[in-house]
Amino acid sequence: MNAYERGDYFTMLLYYGALLGGIGLVGFGGLWTLGILFPVGFGREAKTTIERILSSKVISRIEKRYQGGLTDLRRLGFEEHCYYWEITGPFSLISSFLVFLIMCSKNEIIKIRSPLRISTGYPLLNLPYQGTFATVYAFEIQFLTLFTDGTTLITGNDDRTPSFVDENFQVYRQGESQTVEAAWHQHQIRVEAFKDEGKQEKENNNFSDYVDIVTKVETILLANNIFQSTEWWGSGMAG
């Protein structure tokens, strides 16, 4: 093969490589657009699944990733309850691909499941003999208290958390940029205010109680057209 033929062969490879790459980008772009226009079936409106983590290796990675938040919560008296996967709906990797890239850049504990579902690992803590959970995310810590009448009170230490009051589900969520200690103090004040109204904390919560909270919150956000992951990750993160 002479120099011209070698050059022509190389040009042909570049051409077909670019052509195939372009087709791939257009195809992925089309799927991503479908995921935005028709979120049902592309993960954004499918129910999130919560699954307990049993692998000691994964737990060790989560503890290392969230060491700072775990230390803050232990100082407040919280103890590890369990570790869990938060699994988004089918094909959510397509509709939330940019979110996925940001999560990867922040060293989130991620696992991709079939069909193209994003699983993210988090720690779940609780306050012994009381009705309060605490969760640690990349940019925020949340306190969640359950009451015997089904009321759920949530306080986060980041103002990017969508705040809302839903009387139907009796969920009250508030987010404000503040320290973990300040958020916990504010949460306790809110809990006492509810107790003054005659509500009682639900003691000895279990994992299924937390799953119920996640389900209620997601239902509220979707009903109000608020996509939590986009709201949070799209505005940037701390951590």
C-alpha atoms as a PDB file:
ATOM      1  CA  MET A   1       0.000   0.000   0.000  1.00  0.00           C
ATOM      2  CA  ASN A   2       1.518   3.338  -1.094  1.00  0.00           C
ATOM      3  CA  ALA A   3       1.442   6.585   0.899  1.00  0.00           C
ATOM      4  CA  TYR A   4      -1.663   7.828  -0.868  1.00  0.00           C
ATOM      5  CA  GLU A   5      -3.553   4.615  -0.192  1.00  0.00           C
ATOM      6  CA  ARG A   6      -2.472   4.656   3.462  1.00  0.00           C
ATOM      7  CA  GLY A   7      -3.644   8.252   3.776  1.00  0.00           C
ATOM      8  CA  ASP A   8      -6.885   7.475   2.011  1.00  0.00           C
ATOM      9  CA  TYR A   9      -7.458   4.459   4.272  1.00  0.00           C
ATOM     10  CA  PHE A  10      -6.841   6.610   7.346  1.00  0.00           C
ATOM     11  CA  THR A  11      -9.256   9.255   6.072  1.00  0.00           C
ATOM     12  CA  MET A  12     -11.880   6.580   5.478  1.00  0.00           C
ATOM     13  CA  LEU A  13     -11.476   5.332   9.055  1.00  0.00           C
ATOM     14  CA  LEU A  14     -11.885   8.857  10.383  1.00  0.00           C
ATOM     15  CA  TYR A  15     -14.956   9.399   8.243  1.00  0.00           C
ATOM     16  CA  TYR A  16     -16.744   6.232   9.255  1.00  0.00           C
ATOM     17  CA  GLY A  17     -15.636   6.676  12.865  1.00  0.00           C
ATOM     18  CA  ALA A  18     -17.104  10.172  12.925  1.00  0.00           C
ATOM     19  CA  LEU A  19     -20.242   8.912  11.163  1.00  0.00           C
ATOM     20  CA  LEU A  20     -20.800   6.133  13.688  1.00  0.00           C
ATOM     21  CA  GLY A  21     -20.006   8.497  16.543  1.00  0.00           C
ATOM     22  CA  GLY A  22     -22.505  11.022  15.203  1.00  0.00           C
ATOM     23  CA  ILE A  23     -25.182   8.369  14.883  1.00  0.00           C
ATOM     24  CA  GLY A  24     -24.479   7.314  18.469  1.00  0.00           C
ATOM     25  CA  LEU A  25     -24.730  10.870  19.748  1.00  0.00           C
ATOM     26  CA  VAL A  26     -27.940  11.511  17.841  1.00  0.00           C
ATOM     27  CA  GLY A  27     -29.394   8.253  19.118  1.00  0.00           C
ATOM     28  CA  PHE A  28     -28.471   8.990  22.709  1.00  0.00           C
ATOM     29  CA  GLY A  29     -29.634  12.577  22.330  1.00  0.00           C
ATOM     30  CA  GLY A  30     -32.963  11.324  21.028  1.00  0.00           C
ATOM     31  CA  LEU A  31     -33.391   8.972  23.958  1.00  0.00           C
ATOM     32  CA  TRP A  32     -32.399  11.726  26.390  1.00  0.00           C
ATOM     33  CA  THR A  33     -34.950  14.060  24.788  1.00  0.00           C
ATOM     34  CA  LEU A  34     -37.622  11.392  25.062  1.00  0.00           C
ATOM     35  CA  GLY A  35     -36.703  11.016  28.699  1.00  0.00           C
ATOM     36  CA  ILE A  36     -37.319  14.729  29.235  1.00  0.00           C
ATOM     37  CA  LEU A  37     -40.518  14.979  27.160  1.00  0.00           C
ATOM     38  CA  PHE A  38     -41.974  11.660  28.254  1.00  0.00           C
ATOM     39  CA  PRO A  39     -40.576  10.994  31.734  1.00  0.00           C
ATOM     40  CA  VAL A  40     -42.906   8.079  32.454  1.00  0.00           C
ATOM     41  CA  GLY A  41     -40.875   4.957  31.687  1.00  0.00           C
ATOM     42  CA  PHE A  42     -37.590   6.903  31.685  1.00  0.00           C
ATOM     43  CA  GLY A  43     -37.095   6.942  35.428  1.00  0.00           C
ATOM     44  CA  ARG A  44     -38.174  10.432  36.403  1.00  0.00           C
ATOM     45  CA  GLU A  45     -41.728   9.540  37.366  1.00  0.00           C
ATOM     46  CA  ALA A  46     -41.176   5.911  38.318  1.00  0.00           C
ATOM     47  CA  LYS A  47     -41.158   5.107  42.005  1.00  0.00           C
ATOM     48  CA  THR A  48     -37.834   5.080  43.795  1.00  0.00           C
ATOM     49  CA  THR A  49     -36.926   1.773  45.409  1.00  0.00           C
ATOM     50  CA  ILE A  50     -35.145   1.627  48.759  1.00  0.00           C
ATOM     51  CA  GLU A  51     -33.065  -1.467  49.438  1.00  0.00           C
ATOM     52  CA  ARG A  52     -30.989  -2.331  52.465  1.00  0.00           C
ATOM     53  CA  ILE A  53     -27.242  -2.851  51.885  1.00  0.00           C
ATOM     54  CA  LEU A  54     -25.660  -5.975  53.373  1.00  0.00           C
ATOM     55  CA  SER A  55     -22.250  -5.942  51.682  1.00  0.00           C
ATOM     56  CA  SER A  56     -19.516  -4.983  54.162  1.00  0.00           C
ATOM     57  CA  LYS A  57     -17.358  -3.660  51.305  1.00  0.00           C
ATOM     58  CA  VAL A  58     -20.063  -1.261  50.123  1.00  0.00           C
ATOM     59  CA  ILE A  59     -20.790  -0.185  53.706  1.00  0.00           C
ATOM     60  CA  SER A  60     -17.100   0.562  54.226  1.00  0.00           C
ATOM     61  CA  ARG A  61     -17.074   2.764  51.096  1.00  0.00           C
ATOM     62  CA  ILE A  62     -20.169   4.661  52.272  1.00  0.00           C
ATOM     63  CA  GLU A  63     -18.688   5.234  55.721  1.00  0.00           C
ATOM     64  CA  LYS A  64     -15.516   6.622  54.157  1.00  0.00           C
ATOM     65  CA  ARG A  65     -17.428   8.861  51.731  1.00  0.00           C
ATOM     66  CA  TYR A  66     -19.697  10.337  54.442  1.00  0.00           C
ATOM     67  CA  GLN A  67     -17.237  10.315  57.315  1.00  0.00           C
ATOM     68  CA  GLY A  68     -17.712  14.017  58.082  1.00  0.00           C
ATOM     69  CA  GLY A  69     -21.501  13.872  58.275  1.00  0.00           C
ATOM     70  CA  LEU A  70     -21.461  10.654  60.282  1.00  0.00           C
ATOM     71  CA  THR A  71     -19.077  12.205  62.799  1.00  0.00           C
ATOM     72  CA  ASP A  72     -21.347  15.250  63.199  1.00  0.00           C
ATOM     73  CA  LEU A  73     -24.390  13.054  63.817  1.00  0.00           C
ATOM     74  CA  ARG A  74     -22.616  10.779  66.287  1.00  0.00           C
ATOM     75  CA  ARG A  75     -21.716  13.848  68.335  1.00  0.00           C
ATOM     76  CA  LEU A  76     -25.431  14.610  68.555  1.00  0.00           C
ATOM     77  CA  GLY A  77     -26.161  11.117  69.878  1.00  0.00           C
ATOM     78  CA  PHE A  78     -27.258   9.408  66.663  1.00  0.00           C
ATOM     79  CA  GLU A  79     -26.311   5.823  65.920  1.00  0.00           C
ATOM     80  CA  GLU A  80     -26.083   3.885  62.663  1.00  0.00           C
ATOM     81  CA  HIS A  81     -29.359   2.178  61.841  1.00  0.00           C
ATOM     82  CA  CYS A  82     -28.410   0.697  58.460  1.00  0.00           C
ATOM     83  CA  TYR A  83     -27.086   1.516  54.992  1.00  0.00           C
ATOM     84  CA  TYR A  84     -29.263   1.510  51.905  1.00  0.00           C
ATOM     85  CA  TRP A  85     -29.471   1.845  48.137  1.00  0.00           C
ATOM     86  CA  GLU A  86     -31.747   4.515  46.697  1.00  0.00           C
ATOM     87  CA  ILE A  87     -32.673   3.076  43.294  1.00  0.00           C
ATOM     88  CA  THR A  88     -34.259   5.292  40.644  1.00  0.00           C
ATOM     89  CA  GLY A  89     -36.735   4.129  38.019  1.00  0.00           C
ATOM     90  CA  PRO A  90     -36.020   2.196  34.804  1.00  0.00           C
ATOM     91  CA  PHE A  91     -33.881   4.057  32.247  1.00  0.00           C
ATOM     92  CA  SER A  92     -33.269   6.938  34.658  1.00  0.00           C
ATOM     93  CA  LEU A  93     -29.637   6.925  33.537  1.00  0.00           C
ATOM     94  CA  ILE A  94     -30.904   8.372  30.242  1.00  0.00           C
ATOM     95  CA  SER A  95     -33.160  11.119  31.579  1.00  0.00           C
ATOM     96  CA  SER A  96     -30.745  12.001  34.421  1.00  0.00           C
ATOM     97  CA  PHE A  97     -27.441  11.509  32.628  1.00  0.00           C
ATOM     98  CA  LEU A  98     -26.067  14.962  33.507  1.00  0.00           C
ATOM     99  CA  VAL A  99     -27.024  14.396  37.132  1.00  0.00           C
ATOM    100  CA  PHE A 100     -25.246  11.046  36.964  1.00  0.00           C
ATOM    101  CA  LEU A 101     -22.045  12.708  35.706  1.00  0.00           C
ATOM    102  CA  ILE A 102     -22.115  15.245  38.564  1.00  0.00           C
ATOM    103  CA  MET A 103     -22.679  12.460  41.065  1.00  0.00           C
ATOM    104  CA  CYS A 104     -19.675  10.598  39.701  1.00  0.00           C
ATOM    105  CA  SER A 105     -17.527  13.727  39.946  1.00  0.00           C
ATOM    106  CA  LYS A 106     -18.475  13.988  43.637  1.00  0.00           C
ATOM    107  CA  ASN A 107     -17.416  10.392  44.370  1.00  0.00           C
ATOM    108  CA  GLU A 108     -20.917   9.209  45.137  1.00  0.00           C
ATOM    109  CA  ILE A 109     -21.330   5.489  45.811  1.00  0.00           C
ATOM    110  CA  ILE A 110     -23.084   4.445  42.612  1.00  0.00           C
ATOM    111  CA  LYS A 111     -24.158   1.194  41.035  1.00  0.00           C
ATOM    112  CA  ILE A 112     -25.932   0.870  37.667  1.00  0.00           C
ATOM    113  CA  ARG A 113     -28.673  -1.739  37.547  1.00  0.00           C
ATOM    114  CA  SER A 114     -30.805  -3.133  34.764  1.00  0.00           C
ATOM    115  CA  PRO A 115     -32.531  -1.533  32.985  1.00  0.00           C
ATOM    116  CA  LEU A 116     -30.269   1.538  33.266  1.00  0.00           C
ATOM    117  CA  ARG A 117     -31.280   2.403  36.828  1.00  0.00           C
ATOM    118  CA  ILE A 118     -29.064   4.520  39.103  1.00  0.00           C
ATOM    119  CA  SER A 119     -28.458   3.131  42.589  1.00  0.00           C
ATOM    120  CA  THR A 120     -26.853   5.430  45.157  1.00  0.00           C
ATOM    121  CA  GLY A 121     -25.684   4.291  48.580  1.00  0.00           C
ATOM    122  CA  TYR A 122     -26.370   6.290  51.768  1.00  0.00           C
ATOM    123  CA  PRO A 123     -26.188   5.835  55.554  1.00  0.00           C
ATOM    124  CA  LEU A 124     -29.290   5.951  57.743  1.00  0.00           C
ATOM    125  CA  LEU A 125     -28.999   6.806  61.439  1.00  0.00           C
ATOM    126  CA  ASN A 126     -31.491   7.072  64.257  1.00  0.00           C
ATOM    127  CA  LEU A 127     -31.762   8.483  67.736  1.00  0.00           C
ATOM    128  CA  PRO A 128     -32.151   5.534  70.156  1.00  0.00           C
ATOM    129  CA  TYR A 129     -35.597   5.143  71.724  1.00  0.00           C
ATOM    130  CA  GLN A 130     -36.958   8.153  69.835  1.00  0.00           C
ATOM    131  CA  GLY A 131     -38.807   8.658  66.571  1.00  0.00           C
ATOM    132  CA  THR A 132     -36.081  10.486  64.653  1.00  0.00           C
ATOM    133  CA  PHE A 133     -33.990   9.341  61.693  1.00  0.00           C
ATOM    134  CA  ALA A 134     -31.044  11.197  60.168  1.00  0.00           C
ATOM    135  CA  THR A 135     -29.749  10.808  56.627  1.00  0.00           C
ATOM    136  CA  VAL A 136     -26.488  12.026  55.102  1.00  0.00           C
ATOM    137  CA  TYR A 137     -26.278  13.159  51.492  1.00  0.00           C
ATOM    138  CA  ALA A 138     -23.478  14.720  49.486  1.00  0.00           C
ATOM    139  CA  PHE A 139     -24.580  18.266  50.303  1.00  0.00           C
ATOM    140  CA  GLU A 140     -27.034  17.936  53.154  1.00  0.00           C
ATOM    141  CA  ILE A 141     -28.047  16.203  56.366  1.00  0.00           C
ATOM    142  CA  GLN A 142     -31.745  15.688  57.041  1.00  0.00           C
ATOM    143  CA  PHE A 143     -33.567  14.967  60.295  1.00  0.00           C
ATOM    144  CA  LEU A 144     -36.870  13.104  60.022  1.00  0.00           C
ATOM    145  CA  THR A 145     -39.275  12.601  62.939  1.00  0.00           C
ATOM    146  CA  LEU A 146     -42.360  10.401  62.849  1.00  0.00           C
ATOM    147  CA  PHE A 147     -45.425  10.855  65.028  1.00  0.00           C
ATOM    148  CA  THR A 148     -48.007   8.246  65.982  1.00  0.00           C
ATOM    149  CA  ASP A 149     -50.739   9.918  63.912  1.00  0.00           C
ATOM    150  CA  GLY A 150     -48.648   9.591  60.731  1.00  0.00           C
ATOM    151  CA  THR A 151     -47.255  13.138  60.745  1.00  0.00           C
ATOM    152  CA  THR A 152     -43.708  13.419  59.370  1.00  0.00           C
ATOM    153  CA  LEU A 153     -41.446  16.358  60.171  1.00  0.00           C
ATOM    154  CA  ILE A 154     -38.287  16.871  58.064  1.00  0.00           C
ATOM    155  CA  THR A 155     -35.543  19.467  58.542  1.00  0.00           C
ATOM    156  CA  GLY A 156     -32.505  19.838  56.277  1.00  0.00           C
ATOM    157  CA  ASN A 157     -29.418  22.020  56.555  1.00  0.00           C
ATOM    158  CA  ASP A 158     -29.397  23.191  52.929  1.00  0.00           C
ATOM    159  CA  ASP A 159     -31.763  25.743  51.380  1.00  0.00           C
ATOM    160  CA  ARG A 160     -31.760  23.909  48.039  1.00  0.00           C
ATOM    161  CA  THR A 161     -34.061  21.318  49.595  1.00  0.00           C
ATOM    162  CA  PRO A 162     -37.597  21.939  48.284  1.00  0.00           C
ATOM    163  CA  SER A 163     -39.614  23.009  51.359  1.00  0.00           C
ATOM    164  CA  PHE A 164     -43.312  22.203  51.488  1.00  0.00           C
ATOM    165  CA  VAL A 165     -46.313  21.493  53.701  1.00  0.00           C
ATOM    166  CA  ASP A 166     -48.674  18.737  52.617  1.00  0.00           C
ATOM    167  CA  GLU A 167     -51.712  18.419  54.861  1.00  0.00           C
ATOM    168  CA  ASN A 168     -53.008  15.382  52.976  1.00  0.00           C
ATOM    169  CA  PHE A 169     -49.944  13.248  53.746  1.00  0.00           C
ATOM    170  CA  GLN A 170     -49.123  15.253  56.888  1.00  0.00           C
ATOM    171  CA  VAL A 171     -45.557  15.869  55.756  1.00  0.00           C
ATOM    172  CA  TYR A 172     -43.795  19.091  56.725  1.00  0.00           C
ATOM    173  CA  ARG A 173     -40.382  19.654  55.183  1.00  0.00           C
ATOM    174  CA  GLN A 174     -38.097  22.648  55.604  1.00  0.00           C
ATOM    175  CA  GLY A 175     -34.619  23.349  54.283  1.00  0.00           C
ATOM    176  CA  GLU A 176     -32.329  26.167  55.367  1.00  0.00           C
ATOM    177  CA  SER A 177     -28.621  26.782  54.873  1.00  0.00           C
ATOM    178  CA  GLN A 178     -27.121  26.256  58.333  1.00  0.00           C
ATOM    179  CA  THR A 179     -24.791  24.043  60.353  1.00  0.00           C
ATOM    180  CA  VAL A 180     -25.764  20.517  61.325  1.00  0.00           C
ATOM    181  CA  GLU A 181     -26.021  21.558  64.983  1.00  0.00           C
ATOM    182  CA  ALA A 182     -28.272  24.514  64.110  1.00  0.00           C
ATOM    183  CA  ALA A 183     -30.506  22.335  61.937  1.00  0.00           C
ATOM    184  CA  TRP A 184     -30.844  19.788  64.740  1.00  0.00           C
ATOM    185  CA  HIS A 185     -31.696  22.529  67.239  1.00  0.00           C
ATOM    186  CA  GLN A 186     -34.313  23.934  64.866  1.00  0.00           C
ATOM    187  CA  HIS A 187     -35.723  20.456  64.289  1.00  0.00           C
ATOM    188  CA  GLN A 188     -36.074  19.866  68.035  1.00  0.00           C
ATOM    189  CA  ILE A 189     -37.958  23.156  68.411  1.00  0.00           C
ATOM    190  CA  ARG A 190     -40.352  22.100  65.659  1.00  0.00           C
ATOM    191  CA  VAL A 191     -40.825  18.668  67.268  1.00  0.00           C
ATOM    192  CA  GLU A 192     -41.675  20.274  70.623  1.00  0.00           C
ATOM    193  CA  ALA A 193     -44.170  22.592  68.922  1.00  0.00           C
ATOM    194  CA  PHE A 194     -45.949  19.562  67.462  1.00  0.00           C
ATOM    195  CA  LYS A 195     -45.933  17.872  70.870  1.00  0.00           C
ATOM    196  CA  ASP A 196     -47.557  20.958  72.350  1.00  0.00           C
ATOM    197  CA  GLU A 197     -50.375  20.369  69.870  1.00  0.00           C
ATOM    198  CA  GLY A 198     -50.889  16.907  71.355  1.00  0.00           C
ATOM    199  CA  LYS A 199     -48.860  14.823  68.892  1.00  0.00           C
ATOM    200  CA  GLN A 200     -46.679  11.960  70.157  1.00  0.00           C
ATOM    201  CA  GLU A 201     -43.401  10.736  68.684  1.00  0.00           C
ATOM    202  CA  LYS A 202     -43.396   7.227  67.250  1.00  0.00           C
ATOM    203  CA  GLU A 203     -40.705   5.341  69.145  1.00  0.00           C
ATOM    204  CA  ASN A 204     -38.410   2.565  67.947  1.00  0.00           C
ATOM    205  CA  ASN A 205     -38.695   3.238  64.222  1.00  0.00           C
ATOM    206  CA  ASN A 206     -37.641   0.562  61.775  1.00  0.00           C
ATOM    207  CA  PHE A 207     -36.400   0.521  58.189  1.00  0.00           C
ATOM    208  CA  SER A 208     -39.885   0.137  56.733  1.00  0.00           C
ATOM    209  CA  ASP A 209     -40.864   3.401  58.455  1.00  0.00           C
ATOM    210  CA  TYR A 210     -38.106   5.202  56.564  1.00  0.00           C
ATOM    211  CA  VAL A 211     -39.169   3.593  53.272  1.00  0.00           C
ATOM    212  CA  ASP A 212     -42.706   4.896  53.894  1.00  0.00           C
ATOM    213  CA  ILE A 213     -41.323   8.429  54.383  1.00  0.00           C
ATOM    214  CA  VAL A 214     -39.410   8.282  51.099  1.00  0.00           C
ATOM    215  CA  THR A 215     -42.522   7.045  49.292  1.00  0.00           C
ATOM    216  CA  LYS A 216     -44.706   9.845  50.680  1.00  0.00           C
ATOM    217  CA  VAL A 217     -42.152  12.569  49.909  1.00  0.00           C
ATOM    218  CA  GLU A 218     -41.645  11.323  46.359  1.00  0.00           C
ATOM    219  CA  THR A 219     -45.405  11.198  45.778  1.00  0.00           C
ATOM    220  CA  ILE A 220     -45.733  14.809  46.943  1.00  0.00           C
ATOM    221  CA  LEU A 221     -42.846  16.050  44.806  1.00  0.00           C
ATOM    222  CA  LEU A 222     -44.132  14.341  41.667  1.00  0.00           C
ATOM    223  CA  ALA A 223     -47.677  15.591  42.267  1.00  0.00           C
ATOM    224  CA  ASN A 224     -46.295  19.136  42.408  1.00  0.00           C
ATOM    225  CA  ASN A 225     -43.996  18.617  39.403  1.00  0.00           C
ATOM    226  CA  ILE A 226     -40.849  18.945  41.493  1.00  0.00           C
ATOM    227  CA  PHE A 227     -38.053  16.631  40.401  1.00  0.00           C
ATOM    228  CA  GLN A 228     -35.950  16.353  43.498  1.00  0.00           C
ATOM    229  CA  SER A 229     -32.713  15.092  41.995  1.00  0.00           C
ATOM    230  CA  THR A 230     -32.724  17.791  39.295  1.00  0.00           C
ATOM    231  CA  GLU A 231     -33.487  20.516  41.834  1.00  0.00           C
ATOM    232  CA  TRP A 232     -30.667  19.453  44.120  1.00  0.00           C
ATOM    233  CA  TRP A 233     -27.900  18.323  41.797  1.00  0.00           C
ATOM    234  CA  GLY A 234     -28.625  20.864  39.081  1.00  0.00           C
ATOM    235  CA  SER A 235     -27.942  23.762  41.457  1.00  0.00           C
ATOM    236  CA  GLY A 236     -24.549  22.448  42.451  1.00  0.00           C
ATOM    237  CA  MET A 237     -23.382  20.634  45.560  1.00  0.00           C
ATOM    238  CA  ALA A 238     -21.239  21.098  48.596  1.00  0.00           C
ATOM    239  CA  GLY A 239     -19.383  18.025  49.654  1.00  0.00           C
END
